[in-house]
Amino acid sequence: MSALSSPATTTRPGAVLADVLPATSAGRARVRDAALVLGGAVLTGLAAQLSVPVPGSPVPVTGQTFAALLVGTALGARRGFLSLGLYAVAGVAGVPWFSEGASGFGMPSFGYILGMLLAATVVGALARRGGDRSPLRTVGTMAAGTAIIYAVGVPYLALATGMTATEAMAAGLVPFLVGDALKAALAMGALPTAWKLTGRRD
């Protein structure tokens, strides 16, 4: 069975946090998973509105990337991909839940959204391998996801604005490193603690 259809009532090796939520039949598991996918998209959209402009950069500091990584880690690769895919598609279609209430794909920061889609998938896969069960593993998982977001977002920013690679890194990477470290520290405490509360960490 796929991650979208298999019922999950107990934690197990290869599980993610979303699998802890009970589902006593395949039908209920599908309803649960659909709700989780929608909820993850909404959470990312709400977090994107926590936005602080960065002087000299078209990319603001937001809670969007942190939410996307948490969604991917908690839901797993498939549900994480679907959730961030829904977020991206709905935003392109006109839902104003990108950063600063934007929608569409014309803004130079759209590459970061594409990066979040890929990153949510990767951190979800890492989480199924225990990547969120201890503080050190969680830091590694968050670092991998963050690197993917920048690997897509910064080149897109350069192409969209005509910046050089150095200018794009200065505007779209360097100002966010401290905040990313703080987000990783927060995840380092929150995710292993959530597993501890379920009674399973390994």
C-alpha atoms as a PDB file:
ATOM      1  CA  MET A   1       0.000   0.000   0.000  1.00  0.00           C
ATOM      2  CA  SER A   2       1.111   3.571  -0.539  1.00  0.00           C
ATOM      3  CA  ALA A   3       1.663   6.199   2.147  1.00  0.00           C
ATOM      4  CA  LEU A   4      -1.626   7.741   1.052  1.00  0.00           C
ATOM      5  CA  SER A   5      -3.729   4.672   1.636  1.00  0.00           C
ATOM      6  CA  SER A   6      -2.216   2.541   4.377  1.00  0.00           C
ATOM      7  CA  PRO A   7      -3.809   2.858   7.811  1.00  0.00           C
ATOM      8  CA  ALA A   8      -1.454   3.824  10.602  1.00  0.00           C
ATOM      9  CA  THR A   9      -2.298   3.397  14.235  1.00  0.00           C
ATOM     10  CA  THR A  10       1.141   2.951  15.789  1.00  0.00           C
ATOM     11  CA  THR A  11       4.589   4.346  15.167  1.00  0.00           C
ATOM     12  CA  ARG A  12       7.032   1.988  13.478  1.00  0.00           C
ATOM     13  CA  PRO A  13      10.401   2.070  11.751  1.00  0.00           C
ATOM     14  CA  GLY A  14       9.980   4.117   8.611  1.00  0.00           C
ATOM     15  CA  ALA A  15       7.087   6.121  10.035  1.00  0.00           C
ATOM     16  CA  VAL A  16       6.757   9.896  10.082  1.00  0.00           C
ATOM     17  CA  LEU A  17       4.890  11.950  12.645  1.00  0.00           C
ATOM     18  CA  ALA A  18       1.705  12.056  10.551  1.00  0.00           C
ATOM     19  CA  ASP A  19       1.513   8.260  10.699  1.00  0.00           C
ATOM     20  CA  VAL A  20       0.886   8.493  14.433  1.00  0.00           C
ATOM     21  CA  LEU A  21      -2.593   9.845  13.719  1.00  0.00           C
ATOM     22  CA  PRO A  22      -5.019   6.910  13.836  1.00  0.00           C
ATOM     23  CA  ALA A  23      -6.831   5.617  10.772  1.00  0.00           C
ATOM     24  CA  THR A  24      -8.725   2.359  11.187  1.00  0.00           C
ATOM     25  CA  SER A  25      -9.415   1.738   7.505  1.00  0.00           C
ATOM     26  CA  ALA A  26      -7.951   2.577   4.124  1.00  0.00           C
ATOM     27  CA  GLY A  27     -10.824   5.001   3.442  1.00  0.00           C
ATOM     28  CA  ARG A  28     -10.263   6.885   6.658  1.00  0.00           C
ATOM     29  CA  ALA A  29      -6.530   6.958   5.962  1.00  0.00           C
ATOM     30  CA  ARG A  30      -7.212   8.645   2.627  1.00  0.00           C
ATOM     31  CA  VAL A  31      -9.442  11.233   4.302  1.00  0.00           C
ATOM     32  CA  ARG A  32      -6.797  11.827   6.971  1.00  0.00           C
ATOM     33  CA  ASP A  33      -4.069  12.220   4.384  1.00  0.00           C
ATOM     34  CA  ALA A  34      -6.130  14.609   2.264  1.00  0.00           C
ATOM     35  CA  ALA A  35      -6.734  16.745   5.354  1.00  0.00           C
ATOM     36  CA  LEU A  36      -3.019  16.690   6.172  1.00  0.00           C
ATOM     37  CA  VAL A  37      -2.066  17.727   2.623  1.00  0.00           C
ATOM     38  CA  LEU A  38      -4.537  20.609   2.691  1.00  0.00           C
ATOM     39  CA  GLY A  39      -3.526  21.603   6.218  1.00  0.00           C
ATOM     40  CA  GLY A  40       0.156  21.657   5.261  1.00  0.00           C
ATOM     41  CA  ALA A  41      -0.548  23.940   2.320  1.00  0.00           C
ATOM     42  CA  VAL A  42      -2.604  26.294   4.475  1.00  0.00           C
ATOM     43  CA  LEU A  43       0.070  26.331   7.198  1.00  0.00           C
ATOM     44  CA  THR A  44       2.718  27.254   4.634  1.00  0.00           C
ATOM     45  CA  GLY A  45       0.498  30.001   3.236  1.00  0.00           C
ATOM     46  CA  LEU A  46      -0.142  31.454   6.687  1.00  0.00           C
ATOM     47  CA  ALA A  47       3.545  31.300   7.611  1.00  0.00           C
ATOM     48  CA  ALA A  48       4.401  33.136   4.391  1.00  0.00           C
ATOM     49  CA  GLN A  49       2.474  36.150   5.679  1.00  0.00           C
ATOM     50  CA  LEU A  50       4.969  36.493   8.539  1.00  0.00           C
ATOM     51  CA  SER A  51       7.145  38.611   6.304  1.00  0.00           C
ATOM     52  CA  VAL A  52       9.907  41.133   6.976  1.00  0.00           C
ATOM     53  CA  PRO A  53      11.457  43.023   4.021  1.00  0.00           C
ATOM     54  CA  VAL A  54      15.232  42.799   3.597  1.00  0.00           C
ATOM     55  CA  PRO A  55      16.855  46.083   2.474  1.00  0.00           C
ATOM     56  CA  GLY A  56      18.377  45.700  -0.964  1.00  0.00           C
ATOM     57  CA  SER A  57      16.761  42.317  -1.616  1.00  0.00           C
ATOM     58  CA  PRO A  58      13.514  41.399  -3.399  1.00  0.00           C
ATOM     59  CA  VAL A  59      13.250  38.356  -1.115  1.00  0.00           C
ATOM     60  CA  PRO A  60      11.752  38.962   2.357  1.00  0.00           C
ATOM     61  CA  VAL A  61      12.386  36.974   5.507  1.00  0.00           C
ATOM     62  CA  THR A  62       9.307  34.818   6.110  1.00  0.00           C
ATOM     63  CA  GLY A  63       8.140  31.797   8.074  1.00  0.00           C
ATOM     64  CA  GLN A  64       7.378  30.091   4.763  1.00  0.00           C
ATOM     65  CA  THR A  65      10.534  28.014   4.392  1.00  0.00           C
ATOM     66  CA  PHE A  66      10.395  26.780   7.978  1.00  0.00           C
ATOM     67  CA  ALA A  67       6.761  25.741   7.548  1.00  0.00           C
ATOM     68  CA  ALA A  68       7.537  23.951   4.278  1.00  0.00           C
ATOM     69  CA  LEU A  69      10.344  21.957   5.885  1.00  0.00           C
ATOM     70  CA  LEU A  70       8.198  21.058   8.886  1.00  0.00           C
ATOM     71  CA  VAL A  71       5.367  19.964   6.591  1.00  0.00           C
ATOM     72  CA  GLY A  72       7.682  17.748   4.573  1.00  0.00           C
ATOM     73  CA  THR A  73       9.289  16.235   7.657  1.00  0.00           C
ATOM     74  CA  ALA A  74       6.019  15.594   9.478  1.00  0.00           C
ATOM     75  CA  LEU A  75       4.038  14.302   6.493  1.00  0.00           C
ATOM     76  CA  GLY A  76       6.668  12.313   4.630  1.00  0.00           C
ATOM     77  CA  ALA A  77       7.867  12.616   1.051  1.00  0.00           C
ATOM     78  CA  ARG A  78       4.652  11.884  -0.848  1.00  0.00           C
ATOM     79  CA  ARG A  79       2.256  13.880   1.299  1.00  0.00           C
ATOM     80  CA  GLY A  80       4.837  16.643   1.667  1.00  0.00           C
ATOM     81  CA  PHE A  81       5.214  16.867  -2.112  1.00  0.00           C
ATOM     82  CA  LEU A  82       1.437  16.963  -2.582  1.00  0.00           C
ATOM     83  CA  SER A  83       1.020  19.605   0.124  1.00  0.00           C
ATOM     84  CA  LEU A  84       3.673  21.957  -1.243  1.00  0.00           C
ATOM     85  CA  GLY A  85       2.489  21.207  -4.775  1.00  0.00           C
ATOM     86  CA  LEU A  86      -1.008  22.287  -3.777  1.00  0.00           C
ATOM     87  CA  TYR A  87       0.434  25.423  -2.184  1.00  0.00           C
ATOM     88  CA  ALA A  88       2.397  26.275  -5.346  1.00  0.00           C
ATOM     89  CA  VAL A  89      -0.385  25.497  -7.835  1.00  0.00           C
ATOM     90  CA  ALA A  90      -3.049  27.357  -5.857  1.00  0.00           C
ATOM     91  CA  GLY A  91      -0.748  30.363  -5.497  1.00  0.00           C
ATOM     92  CA  VAL A  92      -0.004  30.430  -9.210  1.00  0.00           C
ATOM     93  CA  ALA A  93      -3.754  30.160  -9.869  1.00  0.00           C
ATOM     94  CA  GLY A  94      -4.402  33.301  -7.817  1.00  0.00           C
ATOM     95  CA  VAL A  95      -4.681  32.389  -4.135  1.00  0.00           C
ATOM     96  CA  PRO A  96      -2.837  35.293  -2.426  1.00  0.00           C
ATOM     97  CA  TRP A  97      -0.826  33.207   0.034  1.00  0.00           C
ATOM     98  CA  PHE A  98       2.714  33.624  -1.197  1.00  0.00           C
ATOM     99  CA  SER A  99       4.871  36.043   0.826  1.00  0.00           C
ATOM    100  CA  GLU A 100       3.356  39.495   1.288  1.00  0.00           C
ATOM    101  CA  GLY A 101       0.009  38.283  -0.090  1.00  0.00           C
ATOM    102  CA  ALA A 102       1.397  37.712  -3.589  1.00  0.00           C
ATOM    103  CA  SER A 103       0.207  35.178  -6.143  1.00  0.00           C
ATOM    104  CA  GLY A 104       1.218  34.092  -9.629  1.00  0.00           C
ATOM    105  CA  PHE A 105       4.709  33.174 -10.786  1.00  0.00           C
ATOM    106  CA  GLY A 106       6.112  36.505 -11.914  1.00  0.00           C
ATOM    107  CA  MET A 107       7.953  37.477  -8.743  1.00  0.00           C
ATOM    108  CA  PRO A 108      11.708  36.865  -8.567  1.00  0.00           C
ATOM    109  CA  SER A 109      11.308  34.815  -5.392  1.00  0.00           C
ATOM    110  CA  PHE A 110       9.193  32.142  -7.107  1.00  0.00           C
ATOM    111  CA  GLY A 111      12.259  29.918  -7.400  1.00  0.00           C
ATOM    112  CA  TYR A 112      12.253  29.510  -3.627  1.00  0.00           C
ATOM    113  CA  ILE A 113       8.725  28.088  -3.809  1.00  0.00           C
ATOM    114  CA  LEU A 114       9.880  25.547  -6.366  1.00  0.00           C
ATOM    115  CA  GLY A 115      12.805  24.780  -4.099  1.00  0.00           C
ATOM    116  CA  MET A 116      10.436  24.247  -1.171  1.00  0.00           C
ATOM    117  CA  LEU A 117       8.489  21.702  -3.195  1.00  0.00           C
ATOM    118  CA  LEU A 118      11.640  19.677  -3.807  1.00  0.00           C
ATOM    119  CA  ALA A 119      12.950  20.219  -0.280  1.00  0.00           C
ATOM    120  CA  ALA A 120       9.710  19.017   1.349  1.00  0.00           C
ATOM    121  CA  THR A 121       9.986  15.805  -0.653  1.00  0.00           C
ATOM    122  CA  VAL A 122      13.605  15.220   0.324  1.00  0.00           C
ATOM    123  CA  VAL A 123      13.221  15.973   4.041  1.00  0.00           C
ATOM    124  CA  GLY A 124      10.132  13.751   4.077  1.00  0.00           C
ATOM    125  CA  ALA A 125      12.202  10.892   2.682  1.00  0.00           C
ATOM    126  CA  LEU A 126      14.929  11.579   5.257  1.00  0.00           C
ATOM    127  CA  ALA A 127      12.343  11.619   8.044  1.00  0.00           C
ATOM    128  CA  ARG A 128      11.238   8.104   7.064  1.00  0.00           C
ATOM    129  CA  ARG A 129      14.845   7.089   7.654  1.00  0.00           C
ATOM    130  CA  GLY A 130      14.930   8.603  11.125  1.00  0.00           C
ATOM    131  CA  GLY A 131      16.078  12.073  10.099  1.00  0.00           C
ATOM    132  CA  ASP A 132      13.906  13.810  12.697  1.00  0.00           C
ATOM    133  CA  ARG A 133      14.315  11.444  15.643  1.00  0.00           C
ATOM    134  CA  SER A 134      17.312  13.055  17.342  1.00  0.00           C
ATOM    135  CA  PRO A 135      18.635  16.630  17.555  1.00  0.00           C
ATOM    136  CA  LEU A 136      21.689  15.992  15.382  1.00  0.00           C
ATOM    137  CA  ARG A 137      19.725  14.120  12.729  1.00  0.00           C
ATOM    138  CA  THR A 138      17.138  16.883  12.685  1.00  0.00           C
ATOM    139  CA  VAL A 139      19.774  19.555  12.119  1.00  0.00           C
ATOM    140  CA  GLY A 140      21.152  17.551   9.213  1.00  0.00           C
ATOM    141  CA  THR A 141      17.691  17.102   7.726  1.00  0.00           C
ATOM    142  CA  MET A 142      16.851  20.796   8.020  1.00  0.00           C
ATOM    143  CA  ALA A 143      20.244  21.770   6.581  1.00  0.00           C
ATOM    144  CA  ALA A 144      19.710  19.496   3.572  1.00  0.00           C
ATOM    145  CA  GLY A 145      16.256  20.941   2.937  1.00  0.00           C
ATOM    146  CA  THR A 146      17.466  24.517   3.299  1.00  0.00           C
ATOM    147  CA  ALA A 147      20.355  23.900   0.900  1.00  0.00           C
ATOM    148  CA  ILE A 148      17.918  22.582  -1.712  1.00  0.00           C
ATOM    149  CA  ILE A 149      15.713  25.665  -1.390  1.00  0.00           C
ATOM    150  CA  TYR A 150      18.672  27.947  -1.999  1.00  0.00           C
ATOM    151  CA  ALA A 151      20.049  25.755  -4.791  1.00  0.00           C
ATOM    152  CA  VAL A 152      16.854  26.424  -6.736  1.00  0.00           C
ATOM    153  CA  GLY A 153      15.893  29.854  -5.415  1.00  0.00           C
ATOM    154  CA  VAL A 154      19.172  31.742  -5.827  1.00  0.00           C
ATOM    155  CA  PRO A 155      19.801  30.838  -9.507  1.00  0.00           C
ATOM    156  CA  TYR A 156      16.144  31.611 -10.282  1.00  0.00           C
ATOM    157  CA  LEU A 157      16.573  34.991  -8.570  1.00  0.00           C
ATOM    158  CA  ALA A 158      19.629  35.717 -10.683  1.00  0.00           C
ATOM    159  CA  LEU A 159      17.827  34.804 -13.907  1.00  0.00           C
ATOM    160  CA  ALA A 160      14.677  36.740 -13.001  1.00  0.00           C
ATOM    161  CA  THR A 161      16.483  39.938 -12.042  1.00  0.00           C
ATOM    162  CA  GLY A 162      19.605  39.885 -14.201  1.00  0.00           C
ATOM    163  CA  MET A 163      21.832  39.745 -11.132  1.00  0.00           C
ATOM    164  CA  THR A 164      25.216  38.095 -11.260  1.00  0.00           C
ATOM    165  CA  ALA A 165      25.679  34.923  -9.221  1.00  0.00           C
ATOM    166  CA  THR A 166      27.545  36.917  -6.570  1.00  0.00           C
ATOM    167  CA  GLU A 167      24.826  39.549  -6.384  1.00  0.00           C
ATOM    168  CA  ALA A 168      22.103  36.899  -6.159  1.00  0.00           C
ATOM    169  CA  MET A 169      23.886  35.163  -3.290  1.00  0.00           C
ATOM    170  CA  ALA A 170      24.341  38.483  -1.501  1.00  0.00           C
ATOM    171  CA  ALA A 171      20.648  39.330  -1.894  1.00  0.00           C
ATOM    172  CA  GLY A 172      19.035  35.899  -1.705  1.00  0.00           C
ATOM    173  CA  LEU A 173      21.254  33.811   0.578  1.00  0.00           C
ATOM    174  CA  VAL A 174      23.569  35.676   2.920  1.00  0.00           C
ATOM    175  CA  PRO A 175      20.906  37.776   4.750  1.00  0.00           C
ATOM    176  CA  PHE A 176      18.977  34.637   5.700  1.00  0.00           C
ATOM    177  CA  LEU A 177      21.707  32.421   7.152  1.00  0.00           C
ATOM    178  CA  VAL A 178      21.315  33.530  10.766  1.00  0.00           C
ATOM    179  CA  GLY A 179      17.568  33.063  10.634  1.00  0.00           C
ATOM    180  CA  ASP A 180      18.000  29.624   9.085  1.00  0.00           C
ATOM    181  CA  ALA A 181      20.308  28.624  11.930  1.00  0.00           C
ATOM    182  CA  LEU A 182      17.683  29.722  14.454  1.00  0.00           C
ATOM    183  CA  LYS A 183      14.984  27.764  12.607  1.00  0.00           C
ATOM    184  CA  ALA A 184      17.177  24.658  12.621  1.00  0.00           C
ATOM    185  CA  ALA A 185      17.710  25.053  16.359  1.00  0.00           C
ATOM    186  CA  LEU A 186      13.961  25.317  16.899  1.00  0.00           C
ATOM    187  CA  ALA A 187      13.325  22.194  14.826  1.00  0.00           C
ATOM    188  CA  MET A 188      16.144  20.417  16.654  1.00  0.00           C
ATOM    189  CA  GLY A 189      14.163  20.770  19.859  1.00  0.00           C
ATOM    190  CA  ALA A 190      10.619  20.427  18.547  1.00  0.00           C
ATOM    191  CA  LEU A 191      10.718  17.358  16.296  1.00  0.00           C
ATOM    192  CA  PRO A 192      12.622  14.925  18.556  1.00  0.00           C
ATOM    193  CA  THR A 193      10.427  16.089  21.443  1.00  0.00           C
ATOM    194  CA  ALA A 194       7.320  15.284  19.415  1.00  0.00           C
ATOM    195  CA  TRP A 195       8.683  11.780  18.798  1.00  0.00           C
ATOM    196  CA  LYS A 196       9.489  11.382  22.459  1.00  0.00           C
ATOM    197  CA  LEU A 197       5.888  12.203  23.317  1.00  0.00           C
ATOM    198  CA  THR A 198       4.709   9.415  20.986  1.00  0.00           C
ATOM    199  CA  GLY A 199       6.907   6.956  22.849  1.00  0.00           C
ATOM    200  CA  ARG A 200       9.192   6.192  19.902  1.00  0.00           C
ATOM    201  CA  ARG A 201      12.465   7.791  18.788  1.00  0.00           C
ATOM    202  CA  ASP A 202      14.339   5.112  16.881  1.00  0.00           C
END
